[in-house]
């Protein structure tokens, strides 16, 4: 398969490099990324390269900060096994010394409580991104055994897998992206966990569903739009973990949450990204 490389240079790296990776990879067809001293190199199948999508993504980034400067070059690359190249660069992640998130080609560890194997197919949720790391660290503290758990925007299914490994009675994982849905199914099998994967969005949260713990690592706008749906299926006294947004987004999300009867328990940040733990009063 032929690939196109987009070399993007940013006048400010943080947090804009992470935003680009998230938007190009989660919302678009980009399959892998390489950090550089000036920004990122992004790789996309040449047949799926869309100049308008790229420009619109960069324009939206610059609207966040009027002082941000961004320039890029586009070049077609020779035929090569880029999946193999990406696998060589893909590193495992140790989360708070309790959870080892690795690909099948990484070594096993015996000195951690939980080990999760994620097939690196570019679905969101390999623990490399700050929001996934934050959610895993919050989940470590949750008394999950015997509970009903929902993972919204599940991506690779890494959060659902950890919940199942911690002894949840029932785990449901929902994602709107079919690629992520299929990748999660594979990961559930690899990790030998019983998780119910569903393809769809918050419209699947019907009145007959109820959960003790809900995890949603998506983005600010979707969280604001769908938080009422999450709350409607959360049991009284239940916990909801939210991430996928920046520290400056917290006030608007907290206002929305409080209007729905949720109370903030704790807030964690990493590289300017933030995660919130809330309970339903």
Protein backbone atom coordinates (compact mmCIF):
# COMPACT_ATOMS: atom_id res chain seq x y z
CA UNK A 1 0.00 0.00 0.00
CA UNK A 2 1.28 3.48 -0.86
CA UNK A 3 1.39 6.05 1.95
CA UNK A 4 1.50 9.82 2.13
CA UNK A 5 3.54 11.64 4.76
CA UNK A 6 2.37 14.98 6.14
CA UNK A 7 5.13 16.82 8.00
CA UNK A 8 3.48 19.39 10.27
CA UNK A 9 5.48 22.10 12.07
CA UNK A 10 3.92 23.99 15.00
CA UNK A 11 5.08 27.19 16.66
CA UNK A 12 3.73 25.79 19.96
CA UNK A 13 3.96 22.08 20.64
CA UNK A 14 1.76 21.70 23.75
CA UNK A 15 -1.07 20.95 23.75
CA UNK A 16 -1.49 21.33 19.99
CA UNK A 17 0.58 18.32 18.94
CA UNK A 18 -1.67 16.02 20.99
CA UNK A 19 -4.80 17.66 19.59
CA UNK A 20 -3.58 17.08 16.03
CA UNK A 21 -2.83 13.42 16.67
CA UNK A 22 -6.24 12.95 18.26
CA UNK A 23 -8.16 14.72 15.48
CA UNK A 24 -6.25 13.25 12.55
CA UNK A 25 -6.28 9.72 13.94
CA UNK A 26 -9.68 9.63 15.64
CA UNK A 27 -11.69 11.70 13.19
CA UNK A 28 -9.73 10.94 10.05
CA UNK A 29 -7.95 8.11 8.20
CA UNK A 30 -4.43 8.71 9.54
CA UNK A 31 -2.87 5.49 10.76
CA UNK A 32 0.37 6.42 12.53
CA UNK A 33 2.31 9.38 13.84
CA UNK A 34 5.90 10.30 14.63
CA UNK A 35 6.74 13.13 17.01
CA UNK A 36 9.43 15.55 15.84
CA UNK A 37 11.16 18.46 17.55
CA UNK A 38 8.92 20.85 15.62
CA UNK A 39 5.63 18.95 15.52
CA UNK A 40 4.58 15.62 14.00
CA UNK A 41 4.79 13.49 10.91
CA UNK A 42 1.44 11.90 10.10
CA UNK A 43 0.95 8.94 7.77
CA UNK A 44 -2.14 8.13 5.75
CA UNK A 45 -2.87 5.71 2.88
CA UNK A 46 -2.40 7.76 -0.28
CA UNK A 47 -5.81 6.65 -1.56
CA UNK A 48 -7.43 8.17 1.54
CA UNK A 49 -5.51 11.45 1.68
CA UNK A 50 -7.93 14.39 1.68
CA UNK A 51 -6.33 17.83 1.38
CA UNK A 52 -9.53 19.59 2.47
CA UNK A 53 -9.83 17.47 5.63
CA UNK A 54 -6.20 18.20 6.51
CA UNK A 55 -6.56 21.94 5.95
CA UNK A 56 -9.84 22.11 7.90
CA UNK A 57 -8.24 20.24 10.81
CA UNK A 58 -5.32 22.67 10.89
CA UNK A 59 -7.62 25.69 10.55
CA UNK A 60 -9.66 24.48 13.52
CA UNK A 61 -6.46 24.05 15.52
CA UNK A 62 -5.35 27.62 14.83
CA UNK A 63 -8.76 28.95 15.87
CA UNK A 64 -8.03 27.71 19.40
CA UNK A 65 -5.02 30.02 19.69
CA UNK A 66 -4.72 33.04 17.43
CA UNK A 67 -0.97 33.17 17.99
CA UNK A 68 -0.37 29.60 16.80
CA UNK A 69 1.51 29.21 13.53
CA UNK A 70 1.31 25.98 11.57
CA UNK A 71 2.85 24.91 8.28
CA UNK A 72 3.07 21.55 6.58
CA UNK A 73 4.43 19.69 3.60
CA UNK A 74 2.94 16.65 1.87
CA UNK A 75 4.94 13.93 0.13
CA UNK A 76 4.22 10.47 -1.22
CA UNK A 77 6.40 7.68 0.15
CA UNK A 78 7.79 4.61 -1.63
CA UNK A 79 6.18 1.23 -1.06
CA UNK A 80 7.15 -0.17 2.34
CA UNK A 81 5.69 -2.20 5.18
CA UNK A 82 4.74 0.75 7.37
CA UNK A 83 2.75 -1.39 9.79
CA UNK A 84 5.95 -3.26 10.56
CA UNK A 85 7.85 0.02 10.94
CA UNK A 86 5.17 1.40 13.28
CA UNK A 87 5.19 -1.75 15.38
CA UNK A 88 8.92 -1.37 15.92
CA UNK A 89 8.36 2.14 17.28
CA UNK A 90 5.26 1.27 19.33
CA UNK A 91 6.22 1.06 23.01
CA UNK A 92 4.39 -0.58 25.95
CA UNK A 93 3.06 1.62 28.76
CA UNK A 94 3.27 1.09 32.52
CA UNK A 95 0.41 2.87 34.28
CA UNK A 96 1.10 3.83 37.91
CA UNK A 97 3.09 0.61 38.43
CA UNK A 98 -0.09 -1.48 38.48
CA UNK A 99 -1.10 -1.96 34.83
CA UNK A 100 1.11 -3.00 31.89
CA UNK A 101 -0.46 -2.19 28.51
CA UNK A 102 1.42 -3.93 25.72
CA UNK A 103 1.11 -5.20 22.18
CA UNK A 104 1.41 -8.95 21.38
CA UNK A 105 5.04 -8.46 20.30
CA UNK A 106 6.07 -6.88 23.64
CA UNK A 107 7.40 -8.93 26.58
CA UNK A 108 5.18 -10.21 29.39
CA UNK A 109 5.69 -8.81 32.92
CA UNK A 110 5.15 -10.63 36.21
CA UNK A 111 5.65 -7.65 38.51
CA UNK A 112 2.36 -5.86 37.80
CA UNK A 113 -1.13 -6.63 39.04
CA UNK A 114 -2.81 -6.31 35.63
CA UNK A 115 -1.51 -6.86 32.13
CA UNK A 116 -3.54 -5.87 29.08
CA UNK A 117 -2.68 -6.90 25.54
CA UNK A 118 -3.82 -4.44 22.89
CA UNK A 119 -3.44 -5.19 19.19
CA UNK A 120 -2.06 -1.88 17.82
CA UNK A 121 -4.44 -1.16 14.96
CA UNK A 122 -4.66 2.59 15.58
CA UNK A 123 -7.96 2.56 17.46
CA UNK A 124 -7.85 5.14 20.25
CA UNK A 125 -6.82 3.74 23.62
CA UNK A 126 -3.33 2.28 23.90
CA UNK A 127 -2.48 4.23 27.12
CA UNK A 128 0.02 6.40 25.25
CA UNK A 129 -2.41 9.30 25.22
CA UNK A 130 -2.72 11.21 28.50
CA UNK A 131 -6.50 10.76 28.71
CA UNK A 132 -6.35 6.96 28.50
CA UNK A 133 -3.56 6.93 31.08
CA UNK A 134 -5.64 9.13 33.41
CA UNK A 135 -8.73 6.95 33.03
CA UNK A 136 -6.77 3.78 33.78
CA UNK A 137 -5.26 5.39 36.88
CA UNK A 138 -8.73 6.46 38.11
CA UNK A 139 -10.12 3.01 37.39
CA UNK A 140 -7.38 1.50 39.56
CA UNK A 141 -9.04 3.09 42.62
CA UNK A 142 -12.57 2.01 41.81
CA UNK A 143 -14.17 -0.94 43.68
CA UNK A 144 -15.36 -2.66 40.51
CA UNK A 145 -15.97 -6.23 41.69
CA UNK A 146 -19.58 -7.33 41.16
CA UNK A 147 -20.61 -4.05 39.49
CA UNK A 148 -22.22 -3.28 36.14
CA UNK A 149 -19.85 -1.15 34.06
CA UNK A 150 -20.25 0.86 30.85
CA UNK A 151 -17.36 2.03 28.64
CA UNK A 152 -18.60 4.73 26.27
CA UNK A 153 -16.40 5.52 23.27
CA UNK A 154 -14.47 2.38 24.10
CA UNK A 155 -11.86 2.53 21.29
CA UNK A 156 -9.53 -0.43 21.76
CA UNK A 157 -11.58 -1.53 24.77
CA UNK A 158 -8.66 -1.08 27.17
CA UNK A 159 -10.83 0.41 29.96
CA UNK A 160 -13.47 -2.28 29.57
CA UNK A 161 -10.77 -4.94 29.73
CA UNK A 162 -9.36 -3.57 32.97
CA UNK A 163 -12.84 -3.37 34.50
CA UNK A 164 -13.48 -7.00 33.56
CA UNK A 165 -10.11 -8.09 34.94
CA UNK A 166 -10.96 -6.31 38.20
CA UNK A 167 -14.04 -8.48 38.58
CA UNK A 168 -16.96 -6.48 37.21
CA UNK A 169 -20.12 -8.58 36.95
CA UNK A 170 -21.06 -7.11 33.57
CA UNK A 171 -19.17 -4.83 31.18
CA UNK A 172 -20.62 -3.16 28.10
CA UNK A 173 -18.41 -1.32 25.58
CA UNK A 174 -19.92 1.06 23.03
CA UNK A 175 -18.16 2.81 20.13
CA UNK A 176 -19.57 4.56 17.09
CA UNK A 177 -16.60 3.62 14.88
CA UNK A 178 -16.80 0.20 13.22
CA UNK A 179 -13.01 -0.14 13.02
CA UNK A 180 -12.70 0.44 16.78
CA UNK A 181 -15.64 -1.90 17.43
CA UNK A 182 -13.95 -4.77 15.58
CA UNK A 183 -10.56 -4.03 17.11
CA UNK A 184 -12.12 -4.10 20.59
CA UNK A 185 -13.72 -7.48 19.89
CA UNK A 186 -10.30 -8.90 19.03
CA UNK A 187 -8.78 -7.38 22.16
CA UNK A 188 -11.50 -8.85 24.38
CA UNK A 189 -10.71 -12.29 22.96
CA UNK A 190 -6.93 -11.82 23.35
CA UNK A 191 -7.39 -10.87 27.01
CA UNK A 192 -9.94 -13.62 27.69
CA UNK A 193 -12.50 -11.25 29.20
CA UNK A 194 -16.28 -11.28 28.95
CA UNK A 195 -17.31 -7.88 27.58
CA UNK A 196 -20.39 -7.05 25.51
CA UNK A 197 -19.30 -4.84 22.56
CA UNK A 198 -21.91 -2.69 20.80
CA UNK A 199 -21.63 -0.53 17.68
CA UNK A 200 -23.43 2.78 18.15
CA UNK A 201 -23.72 5.90 20.29
CA UNK A 202 -25.62 7.22 23.32
CA UNK A 203 -28.93 6.36 21.64
CA UNK A 204 -28.24 2.77 22.75
CA UNK A 205 -28.65 3.84 26.39
CA UNK A 206 -32.31 2.91 26.73
CA UNK A 207 -34.39 3.02 29.90
CA UNK A 208 -33.93 -0.71 30.59
CA UNK A 209 -30.16 -0.28 31.07
CA UNK A 210 -28.52 0.54 34.39
CA UNK A 211 -24.88 0.76 35.49
CA UNK A 212 -22.90 1.31 38.68
CA UNK A 213 -19.85 2.73 36.91
CA UNK A 214 -19.67 4.61 33.62
CA UNK A 215 -16.43 5.56 31.84
CA UNK A 216 -16.45 8.04 28.94
CA UNK A 217 -13.17 9.10 27.34
CA UNK A 218 -14.44 10.97 24.30
CA UNK A 219 -14.26 14.76 23.82
CA UNK A 220 -15.74 17.85 25.38
CA UNK A 221 -18.58 18.46 22.92
CA UNK A 222 -19.84 14.88 22.91
CA UNK A 223 -19.61 14.70 26.70
CA UNK A 224 -21.68 17.88 27.04
CA UNK A 225 -24.20 16.57 24.52
CA UNK A 226 -24.55 13.06 25.93
CA UNK A 227 -23.95 13.48 29.66
CA UNK A 228 -27.69 13.48 30.37
CA UNK A 229 -27.98 10.11 28.60
CA UNK A 230 -25.12 8.70 30.68
CA UNK A 231 -26.64 9.98 33.90
CA UNK A 232 -30.04 8.51 33.05
CA UNK A 233 -28.61 4.96 33.15
CA UNK A 234 -26.29 5.51 36.13
CA UNK A 235 -27.56 4.07 39.41
CA UNK A 236 -27.99 6.33 42.43
CA UNK A 237 -24.63 6.57 44.19
CA UNK A 238 -22.90 5.36 41.04
CA UNK A 239 -19.63 6.75 39.68
CA UNK A 240 -18.84 8.31 36.32
CA UNK A 241 -15.30 8.86 35.03
CA UNK A 242 -14.85 11.46 32.28
CA UNK A 243 -11.87 12.45 30.14
CA UNK A 244 -10.96 13.61 26.64
CA UNK A 245 -10.73 17.35 27.39
CA UNK A 246 -8.39 20.02 28.71
CA UNK A 247 -8.15 21.70 32.10
CA UNK A 248 -9.81 24.86 30.77
CA UNK A 249 -12.87 22.77 29.78
CA UNK A 250 -13.54 21.64 33.36
CA UNK A 251 -15.88 24.51 34.41
CA UNK A 252 -18.35 23.91 31.57
CA UNK A 253 -18.33 20.14 32.12
CA UNK A 254 -18.70 20.53 35.88
CA UNK A 255 -21.62 22.94 35.45
CA UNK A 256 -23.37 20.46 33.17
CA UNK A 257 -22.66 17.57 35.53
CA UNK A 258 -23.96 19.42 38.58
CA UNK A 259 -27.16 20.33 36.75
CA UNK A 260 -27.72 16.58 36.30
CA UNK A 261 -27.15 15.75 39.96
CA UNK A 262 -23.49 14.74 39.72
CA UNK A 263 -20.89 15.82 42.28
CA UNK A 264 -17.16 16.12 41.68
CA UNK A 265 -15.04 13.72 43.74
CA UNK A 266 -11.60 14.31 42.23
CA UNK A 267 -9.78 15.81 39.26
CA UNK A 268 -6.52 14.62 37.70
CA UNK A 269 -4.40 16.19 34.97
CA UNK A 270 -1.57 15.03 32.74
CA UNK A 271 0.07 17.09 29.99
CA UNK A 272 -2.80 19.61 30.22
CA UNK A 273 -5.42 16.90 29.63
CA UNK A 274 -7.86 16.24 32.48
CA UNK A 275 -10.03 13.47 33.93
CA UNK A 276 -12.88 13.82 36.41
CA UNK A 277 -14.45 11.38 38.87
CA UNK A 278 -18.06 12.17 39.83
CA UNK A 279 -20.84 10.45 41.72
CA UNK A 280 -24.59 10.58 41.20
CA UNK A 281 -26.31 12.04 44.25
